[in-house]
Amino acid sequence: MSSAAPGTRVVVRYRLDEGFTDALGHLLACDAGSCTVRTRQADVVIPLGRVVAAKEVPPAPPRRAARPV
């Protein structure tokens, strides 16, 4: 996580009490204790001790136009 610059699109897999989950979005900040990822729903603050995997991902593809009904 420390090598990714703020603004980079990332996916972070981290532990919850009942399993694992992913945060997909743009990295806002990362310090010695946590990282913050802006997902579509909210800003997610993830303690680094819970991170099990993280990587940079390419930009999201453009949304397709709705099909006429």
Protein backbone atom coordinates (compact mmCIF):
# COMPACT_ATOMS: atom_id res chain seq x y z
CA MET A 1 0.00 0.00 0.00
CA SER A 2 2.79 2.40 0.77
CA SER A 3 3.98 2.42 -2.85
CA ALA A 4 0.63 3.57 -4.29
CA ALA A 5 0.19 7.31 -4.67
CA PRO A 6 -2.98 9.05 -3.49
CA GLY A 7 -5.52 9.09 -6.32
CA THR A 8 -4.49 5.65 -7.58
CA ARG A 9 -7.36 3.20 -8.15
CA VAL A 10 -6.83 0.19 -5.88
CA VAL A 11 -8.52 -2.90 -4.53
CA VAL A 12 -7.80 -3.81 -0.90
CA ARG A 13 -8.79 -7.15 0.65
CA TYR A 14 -9.02 -6.99 4.42
CA ARG A 15 -10.22 -9.04 7.38
CA LEU A 16 -13.52 -8.51 9.13
CA ASP A 17 -14.54 -10.34 12.30
CA GLU A 18 -16.63 -12.76 10.21
CA GLY A 19 -14.40 -13.14 7.13
CA PHE A 20 -12.94 -10.95 4.41
CA THR A 21 -14.16 -8.11 2.22
CA ASP A 22 -12.79 -5.91 -0.57
CA ALA A 23 -12.68 -2.15 -0.97
CA LEU A 24 -12.44 -0.99 -4.60
CA GLY A 25 -11.86 2.69 -5.24
CA HIS A 26 -9.34 5.51 -5.15
CA LEU A 27 -6.68 5.67 -2.47
CA LEU A 28 -7.09 8.90 -0.53
CA ALA A 29 -4.37 8.48 2.10
CA CYS A 30 -2.10 5.92 3.69
CA ASP A 31 -0.04 6.30 6.86
CA ALA A 32 1.71 3.98 9.30
CA GLY A 33 -1.56 2.70 10.78
CA SER A 34 -4.30 2.83 8.16
CA CYS A 35 -5.30 3.59 4.60
CA THR A 36 -8.42 5.34 3.31
CA VAL A 37 -10.13 4.22 0.10
CA ARG A 38 -12.97 6.20 -1.51
CA THR A 39 -15.44 3.61 -2.82
CA ARG A 40 -18.72 4.36 -4.61
CA GLN A 41 -20.59 4.17 -1.31
CA ALA A 42 -18.27 5.87 1.20
CA ASP A 43 -14.73 6.55 2.36
CA VAL A 44 -13.44 3.36 4.02
CA VAL A 45 -10.67 3.58 6.64
CA ILE A 46 -8.83 0.26 6.80
CA PRO A 47 -6.35 -0.57 9.58
CA LEU A 48 -3.17 -1.85 7.90
CA GLY A 49 -3.03 -4.79 10.33
CA ARG A 50 -6.23 -6.13 8.72
CA VAL A 51 -5.01 -5.84 5.09
CA VAL A 52 -4.24 -9.22 3.53
CA ALA A 53 -3.76 -8.11 -0.11
CA ALA A 54 -3.78 -4.90 -2.12
CA LYS A 55 -2.97 -3.89 -5.66
CA GLU A 56 -3.39 -1.11 -8.18
CA VAL A 57 -6.14 -1.68 -10.74
CA PRO A 58 -6.87 -0.01 -14.10
CA PRO A 59 -9.46 2.74 -14.43
CA ALA A 60 -13.09 1.65 -14.49
CA PRO A 61 -14.50 1.09 -17.99
CA PRO A 62 -16.95 3.71 -19.24
CA ARG A 63 -20.57 3.01 -18.38
CA ARG A 64 -22.71 1.74 -21.21
CA ALA A 65 -25.77 3.64 -22.34
CA ALA A 66 -29.09 2.15 -21.28
CA ARG A 67 -30.81 0.00 -23.88
CA PRO A 68 -34.10 1.32 -25.22
CA VAL A 69 -37.09 -0.68 -24.02
